[in-house]
Full PDB file with SEQRES, HELIX, SHEET, SSBOND, CRYST1, ORIGX, SCALE, CONECT and MASTER records, all heavy atoms in Angstrom:
SEQRES   1 A   40  ARG GLU MET ARG GLU ILE THR GLU ASN ALA VAL VAL ILE          
SEQRES   2 A   40  HIS SER LEU ASP LYS LYS SER LEU ALA GLU THR GLY ILE          
SEQRES   3 A   40  GLN ASN CYS ASP VAL ALA VAL VAL CYS ILE GLY GLU GLN          
SEQRES   4 A   40  ILE                                                          
HELIX    1 AA1 MET A    3  GLU A    5  5                                   3    
HELIX    2 AA2 LYS A   18  THR A   24  1                                   7    
HELIX    3 AA3 ILE A   26  ASN A   28  5                                   3    
CRYST1    1.000    1.000    1.000  90.00  90.00  90.00 P 1           1          
ORIGX1      1.000000  0.000000  0.000000        0.00000                         
ORIGX2      0.000000  1.000000  0.000000        0.00000                         
ORIGX3      0.000000  0.000000  1.000000        0.00000                         
SCALE1      1.000000  0.000000  0.000000        0.00000                         
SCALE2      0.000000  1.000000  0.000000        0.00000                         
SCALE3      0.000000  0.000000  1.000000        0.00000                         
ATOM      1  N   ARG A   1       0.844  -1.206  -0.006  1.00  0.00           N  
ATOM      2  CA  ARG A   1      -0.003   0.002  -0.016  1.00  0.00           C  
ATOM      3  C   ARG A   1       0.874   1.262   0.004  1.00  0.00           C  
ATOM      4  O   ARG A   1       0.582   2.246  -0.680  1.00  0.00           O  
ATOM      5  CB  ARG A   1      -0.928  -0.037   1.213  1.00  0.00           C  
ATOM      6  CG  ARG A   1      -1.963   1.109   1.231  1.00  0.00           C  
ATOM      7  CD  ARG A   1      -3.073   0.837   2.192  1.00  0.00           C  
ATOM      8  NE  ARG A   1      -2.623   0.529   3.529  1.00  0.00           N  
ATOM      9  CZ  ARG A   1      -2.688  -0.655   4.113  1.00  0.00           C  
ATOM     10  NH1 ARG A   1      -3.207  -1.683   3.437  1.00  0.00           N  
ATOM     11  NH2 ARG A   1      -2.235  -0.867   5.330  1.00  0.00           N  
ATOM     12  N   GLU A   2       1.956   1.240   0.737  1.00  0.00           N  
ATOM     13  CA  GLU A   2       2.861   2.377   0.777  1.00  0.00           C  
ATOM     14  C   GLU A   2       3.518   2.595  -0.577  1.00  0.00           C  
ATOM     15  O   GLU A   2       3.729   3.741  -1.016  1.00  0.00           O  
ATOM     16  CB  GLU A   2       3.938   2.170   1.857  1.00  0.00           C  
ATOM     17  CG  GLU A   2       3.398   2.237   3.281  1.00  0.00           C  
ATOM     18  CD  GLU A   2       4.440   1.861   4.318  1.00  0.00           C  
ATOM     19  OE1 GLU A   2       5.577   1.463   3.895  1.00  0.00           O  
ATOM     20  OE2 GLU A   2       4.169   1.947   5.528  1.00  0.00           O  
ATOM     21  N   MET A   3       3.815   1.511  -1.268  1.00  0.00           N  
ATOM     22  CA  MET A   3       4.467   1.617  -2.565  1.00  0.00           C  
ATOM     23  C   MET A   3       3.532   2.178  -3.635  1.00  0.00           C  
ATOM     24  O   MET A   3       3.980   2.694  -4.665  1.00  0.00           O  
ATOM     25  CB  MET A   3       4.984   0.248  -3.028  1.00  0.00           C  
ATOM     26  CG  MET A   3       6.272  -0.204  -2.361  1.00  0.00           C  
ATOM     27  SD  MET A   3       7.702   0.824  -2.785  1.00  0.00           S  
ATOM     28  CE  MET A   3       7.877   1.725  -1.249  1.00  0.00           C  
ATOM     29  N   ARG A   4       2.233   2.098  -3.401  1.00  0.00           N  
ATOM     30  CA  ARG A   4       1.275   2.606  -4.374  1.00  0.00           C  
ATOM     31  C   ARG A   4       1.339   4.136  -4.457  1.00  0.00           C  
ATOM     32  O   ARG A   4       0.723   4.742  -5.353  1.00  0.00           O  
ATOM     33  CB  ARG A   4      -0.141   2.139  -4.044  1.00  0.00           C  
ATOM     34  CG  ARG A   4      -0.297   0.662  -4.386  1.00  0.00           C  
ATOM     35  CD  ARG A   4      -1.684   0.118  -4.057  1.00  0.00           C  
ATOM     36  NE  ARG A   4      -1.713  -1.328  -4.423  1.00  0.00           N  
ATOM     37  CZ  ARG A   4      -2.444  -2.227  -3.800  1.00  0.00           C  
ATOM     38  NH1 ARG A   4      -3.179  -1.872  -2.747  1.00  0.00           N  
ATOM     39  NH2 ARG A   4      -2.426  -3.487  -4.178  1.00  0.00           N  
ATOM     40  N   GLU A   5       2.064   4.759  -3.551  1.00  0.00           N  
ATOM     41  CA  GLU A   5       2.286   6.198  -3.635  1.00  0.00           C  
ATOM     42  C   GLU A   5       3.308   6.526  -4.728  1.00  0.00           C  
ATOM     43  O   GLU A   5       3.326   7.664  -5.209  1.00  0.00           O  
ATOM     44  CB  GLU A   5       2.764   6.752  -2.297  1.00  0.00           C  
ATOM     45  CG  GLU A   5       1.724   6.610  -1.171  1.00  0.00           C  
ATOM     46  CD  GLU A   5       2.259   7.172   0.144  1.00  0.00           C  
ATOM     47  OE1 GLU A   5       3.340   7.803   0.139  1.00  0.00           O  
ATOM     48  OE2 GLU A   5       1.565   7.008   1.165  1.00  0.00           O  
ATOM     49  N   ILE A   6       4.127   5.564  -5.101  1.00  0.00           N  
ATOM     50  CA  ILE A   6       5.129   5.833  -6.147  1.00  0.00           C  
ATOM     51  C   ILE A   6       4.862   5.053  -7.434  1.00  0.00           C  
ATOM     52  O   ILE A   6       5.411   5.401  -8.486  1.00  0.00           O  
ATOM     53  CB  ILE A   6       6.558   5.505  -5.628  1.00  0.00           C  
ATOM     54  CG1 ILE A   6       6.728   4.020  -5.352  1.00  0.00           C  
ATOM     55  CG2 ILE A   6       6.891   6.340  -4.407  1.00  0.00           C  
ATOM     56  CD1 ILE A   6       8.155   3.588  -5.150  1.00  0.00           C  
ATOM     57  N   THR A   7       4.056   4.011  -7.386  1.00  0.00           N  
ATOM     58  CA  THR A   7       3.713   3.249  -8.580  1.00  0.00           C  
ATOM     59  C   THR A   7       2.355   2.616  -8.425  1.00  0.00           C  
ATOM     60  O   THR A   7       2.025   2.104  -7.358  1.00  0.00           O  
ATOM     61  CB  THR A   7       4.778   2.158  -8.890  1.00  0.00           C  
ATOM     62  OG1 THR A   7       4.328   1.400 -10.027  1.00  0.00           O  
ATOM     63  CG2 THR A   7       4.972   1.228  -7.712  1.00  0.00           C  
ATOM     64  N   GLU A   8       1.588   2.647  -9.488  1.00  0.00           N  
ATOM     65  CA  GLU A   8       0.260   2.012  -9.438  1.00  0.00           C  
ATOM     66  C   GLU A   8       0.394   0.492  -9.560  1.00  0.00           C  
ATOM     67  O   GLU A   8      -0.564  -0.244  -9.280  1.00  0.00           O  
ATOM     68  CB  GLU A   8      -0.618   2.536 -10.541  1.00  0.00           C  
ATOM     69  CG  GLU A   8      -0.079   2.308 -11.939  1.00  0.00           C  
ATOM     70  CD  GLU A   8      -0.941   2.911 -13.026  1.00  0.00           C  
ATOM     71  OE1 GLU A   8      -1.830   3.722 -12.715  1.00  0.00           O  
ATOM     72  OE2 GLU A   8      -0.703   2.566 -14.215  1.00  0.00           O  
ATOM     73  N   ASN A   9       1.566   0.033  -9.952  1.00  0.00           N  
ATOM     74  CA  ASN A   9       1.802  -1.400 -10.159  1.00  0.00           C  
ATOM     75  C   ASN A   9       2.457  -2.004  -8.919  1.00  0.00           C  
ATOM     76  O   ASN A   9       3.608  -2.433  -8.942  1.00  0.00           O  
ATOM     77  CB  ASN A   9       2.680  -1.613 -11.386  1.00  0.00           C  
ATOM     78  CG  ASN A   9       2.064  -0.997 -12.637  1.00  0.00           C  
ATOM     79  OD1 ASN A   9       0.924  -1.304 -12.984  1.00  0.00           O  
ATOM     80  ND2 ASN A   9       2.840  -0.169 -13.315  1.00  0.00           N  
ATOM     81  N   ALA A  10       1.741  -1.991  -7.809  1.00  0.00           N  
ATOM     82  CA  ALA A  10       2.202  -2.584  -6.562  1.00  0.00           C  
ATOM     83  C   ALA A  10       1.200  -3.689  -6.207  1.00  0.00           C  
ATOM     84  O   ALA A  10       0.012  -3.427  -6.022  1.00  0.00           O  
ATOM     85  CB  ALA A  10       2.281  -1.545  -5.467  1.00  0.00           C  
ATOM     86  N   VAL A  11       1.695  -4.907  -6.094  1.00  0.00           N  
ATOM     87  CA  VAL A  11       0.803  -6.085  -6.021  1.00  0.00           C  
ATOM     88  C   VAL A  11       1.131  -6.919  -4.776  1.00  0.00           C  
ATOM     89  O   VAL A  11       2.298  -7.227  -4.515  1.00  0.00           O  
ATOM     90  CB  VAL A  11       0.915  -6.961  -7.290  1.00  0.00           C  
ATOM     91  CG1 VAL A  11       0.022  -8.186  -7.201  1.00  0.00           C  
ATOM     92  CG2 VAL A  11       0.583  -6.148  -8.520  1.00  0.00           C  
ATOM     93  N   VAL A  12       0.075  -7.289  -4.051  1.00  0.00           N  
ATOM     94  CA  VAL A  12       0.239  -8.259  -2.970  1.00  0.00           C  
ATOM     95  C   VAL A  12       0.276  -9.653  -3.540  1.00  0.00           C  
ATOM     96  O   VAL A  12      -0.589 -10.051  -4.323  1.00  0.00           O  
ATOM     97  CB  VAL A  12      -0.937  -8.142  -1.954  1.00  0.00           C  
ATOM     98  CG1 VAL A  12      -0.786  -9.228  -0.865  1.00  0.00           C  
ATOM     99  CG2 VAL A  12      -0.991  -6.760  -1.348  1.00  0.00           C  
ATOM    100  N   ILE A  13       1.310 -10.417  -3.209  1.00  0.00           N  
ATOM    101  CA  ILE A  13       1.462 -11.789  -3.701  1.00  0.00           C  
ATOM    102  C   ILE A  13       1.802 -12.675  -2.520  1.00  0.00           C  
ATOM    103  O   ILE A  13       2.771 -12.472  -1.800  1.00  0.00           O  
ATOM    104  CB  ILE A  13       2.540 -11.864  -4.816  1.00  0.00           C  
ATOM    105  CG1 ILE A  13       2.607 -13.268  -5.395  1.00  0.00           C  
ATOM    106  CG2 ILE A  13       3.896 -11.353  -4.349  1.00  0.00           C  
ATOM    107  CD1 ILE A  13       3.440 -13.365  -6.667  1.00  0.00           C  
ATOM    108  N   HIS A  14       0.956 -13.686  -2.320  1.00  0.00           N  
ATOM    109  CA  HIS A  14       1.113 -14.568  -1.134  1.00  0.00           C  
ATOM    110  C   HIS A  14       1.964 -15.792  -1.432  1.00  0.00           C  
ATOM    111  O   HIS A  14       2.498 -16.399  -0.512  1.00  0.00           O  
ATOM    112  CB  HIS A  14      -0.255 -14.995  -0.626  1.00  0.00           C  
ATOM    113  CG  HIS A  14      -1.042 -13.829  -0.086  1.00  0.00           C  
ATOM    114  ND1 HIS A  14      -0.706 -13.171   1.075  1.00  0.00           N  
ATOM    115  CD2 HIS A  14      -2.177 -13.201  -0.546  1.00  0.00           C  
ATOM    116  CE1 HIS A  14      -1.575 -12.193   1.302  1.00  0.00           C  
ATOM    117  NE2 HIS A  14      -2.468 -12.179   0.336  1.00  0.00           N  
ATOM    118  N   SER A  15       2.090 -16.116  -2.685  1.00  0.00           N  
ATOM    119  CA  SER A  15       2.908 -17.283  -3.065  1.00  0.00           C  
ATOM    120  C   SER A  15       3.814 -16.879  -4.231  1.00  0.00           C  
ATOM    121  O   SER A  15       3.396 -16.149  -5.142  1.00  0.00           O  
ATOM    122  CB  SER A  15       2.020 -18.421  -3.525  1.00  0.00           C  
ATOM    123  OG  SER A  15       2.801 -19.493  -4.017  1.00  0.00           O  
ATOM    124  N   LEU A  16       5.068 -17.310  -4.149  1.00  0.00           N  
ATOM    125  CA  LEU A  16       6.041 -16.962  -5.186  1.00  0.00           C  
ATOM    126  C   LEU A  16       6.324 -18.131  -6.121  1.00  0.00           C  
ATOM    127  O   LEU A  16       7.436 -18.272  -6.669  1.00  0.00           O  
ATOM    128  CB  LEU A  16       7.334 -16.460  -4.521  1.00  0.00           C  
ATOM    129  CG  LEU A  16       7.217 -15.135  -3.783  1.00  0.00           C  
ATOM    130  CD1 LEU A  16       8.464 -14.815  -3.018  1.00  0.00           C  
ATOM    131  CD2 LEU A  16       6.860 -13.984  -4.758  1.00  0.00           C  
ATOM    132  N   ASP A  17       5.347 -19.017  -6.329  1.00  0.00           N  
ATOM    133  CA  ASP A  17       5.520 -20.072  -7.301  1.00  0.00           C  
ATOM    134  C   ASP A  17       5.439 -19.484  -8.704  1.00  0.00           C  
ATOM    135  O   ASP A  17       5.017 -18.335  -8.888  1.00  0.00           O  
ATOM    136  CB  ASP A  17       4.452 -21.145  -7.102  1.00  0.00           C  
ATOM    137  CG  ASP A  17       3.045 -20.606  -7.258  1.00  0.00           C  
ATOM    138  OD1 ASP A  17       2.545 -20.532  -8.398  1.00  0.00           O  
ATOM    139  OD2 ASP A  17       2.457 -20.190  -6.235  1.00  0.00           O  
ATOM    140  N   LYS A  18       5.836 -20.246  -9.696  1.00  0.00           N  
ATOM    141  CA  LYS A  18       5.931 -19.742 -11.053  1.00  0.00           C  
ATOM    142  C   LYS A  18       4.611 -19.230 -11.576  1.00  0.00           C  
ATOM    143  O   LYS A  18       4.523 -18.174 -12.222  1.00  0.00           O  
ATOM    144  CB  LYS A  18       6.492 -20.832 -11.963  1.00  0.00           C  
ATOM    145  CG  LYS A  18       6.773 -20.365 -13.404  1.00  0.00           C  
ATOM    146  CD  LYS A  18       7.412 -21.512 -14.210  1.00  0.00           C  
ATOM    147  CE  LYS A  18       7.650 -21.078 -15.657  1.00  0.00           C  
ATOM    148  NZ  LYS A  18       8.219 -22.194 -16.458  1.00  0.00           N  
ATOM    149  N   LYS A  19       3.521 -19.956 -11.314  1.00  0.00           N  
ATOM    150  CA  LYS A  19       2.210 -19.561 -11.800  1.00  0.00           C  
ATOM    151  C   LYS A  19       1.768 -18.221 -11.221  1.00  0.00           C  
ATOM    152  O   LYS A  19       1.285 -17.355 -11.929  1.00  0.00           O  
ATOM    153  CB  LYS A  19       1.165 -20.666 -11.469  1.00  0.00           C  
ATOM    154  CG  LYS A  19      -0.254 -20.372 -11.968  1.00  0.00           C  
ATOM    155  CD  LYS A  19      -1.160 -21.561 -11.691  1.00  0.00           C  
ATOM    156  CE  LYS A  19      -2.561 -21.320 -12.211  1.00  0.00           C  
ATOM    157  NZ  LYS A  19      -3.242 -20.231 -11.468  1.00  0.00           N  
ATOM    158  N   SER A  20       1.945 -18.078  -9.901  1.00  0.00           N  
ATOM    159  CA  SER A  20       1.540 -16.822  -9.238  1.00  0.00           C  
ATOM    160  C   SER A  20       2.364 -15.642  -9.739  1.00  0.00           C  
ATOM    161  O   SER A  20       1.835 -14.547  -9.948  1.00  0.00           O  
ATOM    162  CB  SER A  20       1.696 -16.957  -7.728  1.00  0.00           C  
ATOM    163  OG  SER A  20       0.857 -17.971  -7.233  1.00  0.00           O  
ATOM    164  N   LEU A  21       3.658 -15.858  -9.962  1.00  0.00           N  
ATOM    165  CA  LEU A  21       4.509 -14.787 -10.496  1.00  0.00           C  
ATOM    166  C   LEU A  21       4.048 -14.397 -11.886  1.00  0.00           C  
ATOM    167  O   LEU A  21       3.962 -13.212 -12.217  1.00  0.00           O  
ATOM    168  CB  LEU A  21       5.962 -15.230 -10.510  1.00  0.00           C  
ATOM    169  CG  LEU A  21       6.656 -15.290  -9.136  1.00  0.00           C  
ATOM    170  CD1 LEU A  21       7.965 -16.086  -9.217  1.00  0.00           C  
ATOM    171  CD2 LEU A  21       6.937 -13.888  -8.588  1.00  0.00           C  
ATOM    172  N   ALA A  22       3.761 -15.394 -12.700  1.00  0.00           N  
ATOM    173  CA  ALA A  22       3.329 -15.105 -14.084  1.00  0.00           C  
ATOM    174  C   ALA A  22       2.033 -14.348 -14.117  1.00  0.00           C  
ATOM    175  O   ALA A  22       1.795 -13.477 -14.991  1.00  0.00           O  
ATOM    176  CB  ALA A  22       3.217 -16.407 -14.860  1.00  0.00           C  
ATOM    177  N   GLU A  23       1.145 -14.600 -13.172  1.00  0.00           N  
ATOM    178  CA  GLU A  23      -0.137 -13.908 -13.103  1.00  0.00           C  
ATOM    179  C   GLU A  23       0.009 -12.442 -12.817  1.00  0.00           C  
ATOM    180  O   GLU A  23      -0.868 -11.639 -13.151  1.00  0.00           O  
ATOM    181  CB  GLU A  23      -1.039 -14.569 -12.068  1.00  0.00           C  
ATOM    182  CG  GLU A  23      -1.556 -15.941 -12.472  1.00  0.00           C  
ATOM    183  CD  GLU A  23      -2.339 -16.645 -11.385  1.00  0.00           C  
ATOM    184  OE1 GLU A  23      -2.290 -16.162 -10.228  1.00  0.00           O  
ATOM    185  OE2 GLU A  23      -2.965 -17.682 -11.677  1.00  0.00           O  
ATOM    186  N   THR A  24       1.121 -12.019 -12.213  1.00  0.00           N  
ATOM    187  CA  THR A  24       1.339 -10.596 -11.953  1.00  0.00           C  
ATOM    188  C   THR A  24       1.791  -9.859 -13.197  1.00  0.00           C  
ATOM    189  O   THR A  24       1.723  -8.632 -13.268  1.00  0.00           O  
ATOM    190  CB  THR A  24       2.398 -10.396 -10.863  1.00  0.00           C  
ATOM    191  OG1 THR A  24       3.681 -10.769 -11.362  1.00  0.00           O  
ATOM    192  CG2 THR A  24       2.059 -11.176  -9.597  1.00  0.00           C  
ATOM    193  N   GLY A  25       2.319 -10.618 -14.177  1.00  0.00           N  
ATOM    194  CA  GLY A  25       2.832  -9.982 -15.385  1.00  0.00           C  
ATOM    195  C   GLY A  25       4.292  -9.604 -15.303  1.00  0.00           C  
ATOM    196  O   GLY A  25       4.811  -8.849 -16.161  1.00  0.00           O  
ATOM    197  N   ILE A  26       4.995 -10.122 -14.316  1.00  0.00           N  
ATOM    198  CA  ILE A  26       6.397  -9.720 -14.124  1.00  0.00           C  
ATOM    199  C   ILE A  26       7.269 -10.138 -15.310  1.00  0.00           C  
ATOM    200  O   ILE A  26       8.327  -9.553 -15.561  1.00  0.00           O  
ATOM    201  CB  ILE A  26       6.962 -10.272 -12.799  1.00  0.00           C  
ATOM    202  CG1 ILE A  26       8.244  -9.535 -12.420  1.00  0.00           C  
ATOM    203  CG2 ILE A  26       7.144 -11.793 -12.881  1.00  0.00           C  
ATOM    204  CD1 ILE A  26       8.749  -9.829 -11.032  1.00  0.00           C  
ATOM    205  N   GLN A  27       6.786 -11.129 -16.073  1.00  0.00           N  
ATOM    206  CA  GLN A  27       7.571 -11.568 -17.246  1.00  0.00           C  
ATOM    207  C   GLN A  27       7.636 -10.490 -18.320  1.00  0.00           C  
ATOM    208  O   GLN A  27       8.441 -10.577 -19.250  1.00  0.00           O  
ATOM    209  CB  GLN A  27       6.981 -12.859 -17.830  1.00  0.00           C  
ATOM    210  CG  GLN A  27       5.601 -12.729 -18.401  1.00  0.00           C  
ATOM    211  CD  GLN A  27       4.518 -12.933 -17.363  1.00  0.00           C  
ATOM    212  OE1 GLN A  27       4.767 -12.863 -16.157  1.00  0.00           O  
ATOM    213  NE2 GLN A  27       3.310 -13.223 -17.808  1.00  0.00           N  
ATOM    214  N   ASN A  28       6.815  -9.431 -18.204  1.00  0.00           N  
ATOM    215  CA  ASN A  28       6.846  -8.321 -19.147  1.00  0.00           C  
ATOM    216  C   ASN A  28       7.913  -7.276 -18.791  1.00  0.00           C  
ATOM    217  O   ASN A  28       8.061  -6.285 -19.512  1.00  0.00           O  
ATOM    218  CB  ASN A  28       5.470  -7.675 -19.205  1.00  0.00           C  
ATOM    219  CG  ASN A  28       4.410  -8.603 -19.747  1.00  0.00           C  
ATOM    220  OD1 ASN A  28       4.627  -9.291 -20.737  1.00  0.00           O  
ATOM    221  ND2 ASN A  28       3.256  -8.658 -19.100  1.00  0.00           N  
ATOM    222  N   CYS A  29       8.606  -7.480 -17.684  1.00  0.00           N  
ATOM    223  CA  CYS A  29       9.683  -6.569 -17.277  1.00  0.00           C  
ATOM    224  C   CYS A  29      10.962  -6.884 -18.023  1.00  0.00           C  
ATOM    225  O   CYS A  29      11.184  -8.001 -18.449  1.00  0.00           O  
ATOM    226  CB  CYS A  29       9.887  -6.650 -15.793  1.00  0.00           C  
ATOM    227  SG  CYS A  29       8.519  -6.115 -14.765  1.00  0.00           S  
ATOM    228  N   ASP A  30      11.772  -5.884 -18.166  1.00  0.00           N  
ATOM    229  CA  ASP A  30      13.119  -6.081 -18.752  1.00  0.00           C  
ATOM    230  C   ASP A  30      14.097  -6.579 -17.711  1.00  0.00           C  
ATOM    231  O   ASP A  30      15.031  -7.317 -18.051  1.00  0.00           O  
ATOM    232  CB  ASP A  30      13.633  -4.746 -19.348  1.00  0.00           C  
ATOM    233  CG  ASP A  30      12.712  -4.228 -20.434  1.00  0.00           C  
ATOM    234  OD1 ASP A  30      12.668  -4.813 -21.513  1.00  0.00           O  
ATOM    235  OD2 ASP A  30      12.026  -3.225 -20.170  1.00  0.00           O  
ATOM    236  N   VAL A  31      13.904  -6.131 -16.485  1.00  0.00           N  
ATOM    237  CA  VAL A  31      14.806  -6.506 -15.399  1.00  0.00           C  
ATOM    238  C   VAL A  31      13.949  -6.860 -14.190  1.00  0.00           C  
ATOM    239  O   VAL A  31      12.998  -6.156 -13.863  1.00  0.00           O  
ATOM    240  CB  VAL A  31      15.749  -5.329 -14.998  1.00  0.00           C  
ATOM    241  CG1 VAL A  31      16.656  -5.740 -13.859  1.00  0.00           C  
ATOM    242  CG2 VAL A  31      16.542  -4.867 -16.204  1.00  0.00           C  
ATOM    243  N   ALA A  32      14.273  -7.979 -13.549  1.00  0.00           N  
ATOM    244  CA  ALA A  32      13.594  -8.351 -12.297  1.00  0.00           C  
ATOM    245  C   ALA A  32      14.652  -8.495 -11.214  1.00  0.00           C  
ATOM    246  O   ALA A  32      15.715  -9.107 -11.447  1.00  0.00           O  
ATOM    247  CB  ALA A  32      12.829  -9.655 -12.469  1.00  0.00           C  
ATOM    248  N   VAL A  33      14.365  -7.935 -10.052  1.00  0.00           N  
ATOM    249  CA  VAL A  33      15.335  -7.974  -8.940  1.00  0.00           C  
ATOM    250  C   VAL A  33      14.711  -8.726  -7.777  1.00  0.00           C  
ATOM    251  O   VAL A  33      13.653  -8.331  -7.277  1.00  0.00           O  
ATOM    252  CB  VAL A  33      15.718  -6.553  -8.499  1.00  0.00           C  
ATOM    253  CG1 VAL A  33      16.875  -6.634  -7.463  1.00  0.00           C  
ATOM    254  CG2 VAL A  33      16.173  -5.692  -9.699  1.00  0.00           C  
ATOM    255  N   VAL A  34      15.359  -9.791  -7.356  1.00  0.00           N  
ATOM    256  CA  VAL A  34      14.919 -10.576  -6.200  1.00  0.00           C  
ATOM    257  C   VAL A  34      15.571  -9.988  -4.947  1.00  0.00           C  
ATOM    258  O   VAL A  34      16.775 -10.155  -4.762  1.00  0.00           O  
ATOM    259  CB  VAL A  34      15.239 -12.060  -6.360  1.00  0.00           C  
ATOM    260  CG1 VAL A  34      14.726 -12.861  -5.161  1.00  0.00           C  
ATOM    261  CG2 VAL A  34      14.653 -12.594  -7.658  1.00  0.00           C  
ATOM    262  N   CYS A  35      14.793  -9.328  -4.125  1.00  0.00           N  
ATOM    263  CA  CYS A  35      15.322  -8.640  -2.949  1.00  0.00           C  
ATOM    264  C   CYS A  35      15.052  -9.425  -1.689  1.00  0.00           C  
ATOM    265  O   CYS A  35      14.875  -8.818  -0.604  1.00  0.00           O  
ATOM    266  CB  CYS A  35      14.736  -7.241  -2.865  1.00  0.00           C  
ATOM    267  SG  CYS A  35      15.021  -6.225  -4.325  1.00  0.00           S  
ATOM    268  N   ILE A  36      15.017 -10.727  -1.797  1.00  0.00           N  
ATOM    269  CA  ILE A  36      14.768 -11.599  -0.639  1.00  0.00           C  
ATOM    270  C   ILE A  36      16.120 -12.140  -0.196  1.00  0.00           C  
ATOM    271  O   ILE A  36      16.831 -12.754  -0.993  1.00  0.00           O  
ATOM    272  CB  ILE A  36      13.848 -12.772  -1.022  1.00  0.00           C  
ATOM    273  CG1 ILE A  36      12.541 -12.233  -1.611  1.00  0.00           C  
ATOM    274  CG2 ILE A  36      13.577 -13.678   0.168  1.00  0.00           C  
ATOM    275  CD1 ILE A  36      11.707 -13.299  -2.326  1.00  0.00           C  
ATOM    276  N   GLY A  37      16.489 -11.873   1.053  1.00  0.00           N  
ATOM    277  CA  GLY A  37      17.793 -12.339   1.508  1.00  0.00           C  
ATOM    278  C   GLY A  37      17.754 -13.375   2.596  1.00  0.00           C  
ATOM    279  O   GLY A  37      18.422 -14.402   2.510  1.00  0.00           O  
ATOM    280  N   GLU A  38      16.927 -13.131   3.592  1.00  0.00           N  
ATOM    281  CA  GLU A  38      16.925 -13.989   4.762  1.00  0.00           C  
ATOM    282  C   GLU A  38      16.391 -15.385   4.477  1.00  0.00           C  
ATOM    283  O   GLU A  38      16.863 -16.367   4.995  1.00  0.00           O  
ATOM    284  CB  GLU A  38      16.130 -13.324   5.895  1.00  0.00           C  
ATOM    285  CG  GLU A  38      16.759 -12.053   6.447  1.00  0.00           C  
ATOM    286  CD  GLU A  38      16.689 -10.875   5.481  1.00  0.00           C  
ATOM    287  OE1 GLU A  38      15.793 -10.901   4.590  1.00  0.00           O  
ATOM    288  OE2 GLU A  38      17.544  -9.982   5.610  1.00  0.00           O  
ATOM    289  N   GLN A  39      15.341 -15.468   3.669  1.00  0.00           N  
ATOM    290  CA  GLN A  39      14.744 -16.757   3.321  1.00  0.00           C  
ATOM    291  C   GLN A  39      15.441 -17.276   2.073  1.00  0.00           C  
ATOM    292  O   GLN A  39      14.990 -17.057   0.945  1.00  0.00           O  
ATOM    293  CB  GLN A  39      13.231 -16.591   3.093  1.00  0.00           C  
ATOM    294  CG  GLN A  39      12.500 -16.111   4.334  1.00  0.00           C  
ATOM    295  CD  GLN A  39      11.053 -15.776   4.030  1.00  0.00           C  
ATOM    296  OE1 GLN A  39      10.769 -14.972   3.145  1.00  0.00           O  
ATOM    297  NE2 GLN A  39      10.153 -16.386   4.768  1.00  0.00           N  
ATOM    298  N   ILE A  40      16.530 -18.001   2.284  1.00  0.00           N  
ATOM    299  CA  ILE A  40      17.382 -18.405   1.182  1.00  0.00           C  
ATOM    300  C   ILE A  40      16.662 -19.350   0.225  1.00  0.00           C  
ATOM    301  O   ILE A  40      16.760 -19.206  -1.004  1.00  0.00           O  
ATOM    302  CB  ILE A  40      18.683 -19.031   1.703  1.00  0.00           C  
ATOM    303  CG1 ILE A  40      19.512 -17.977   2.442  1.00  0.00           C  
ATOM    304  CG2 ILE A  40      19.502 -19.637   0.560  1.00  0.00           C  
ATOM    305  CD1 ILE A  40      20.783 -18.486   3.043  1.00  0.00           C  
TER     306      ILE A  40                                                      
MASTER        0    0    0    3    0    0    0    6  305    1    0    4          
END                                                                             
């Protein structure tokens, strides 16, 4: 919700499996950054 102040494309995603990621449309990006560190 806080990120929606800077971009309308801010999505809540509860599962990071391939199908759920694809449903967000992230495959249409040129660059994707995985910013998850603690949960290896």
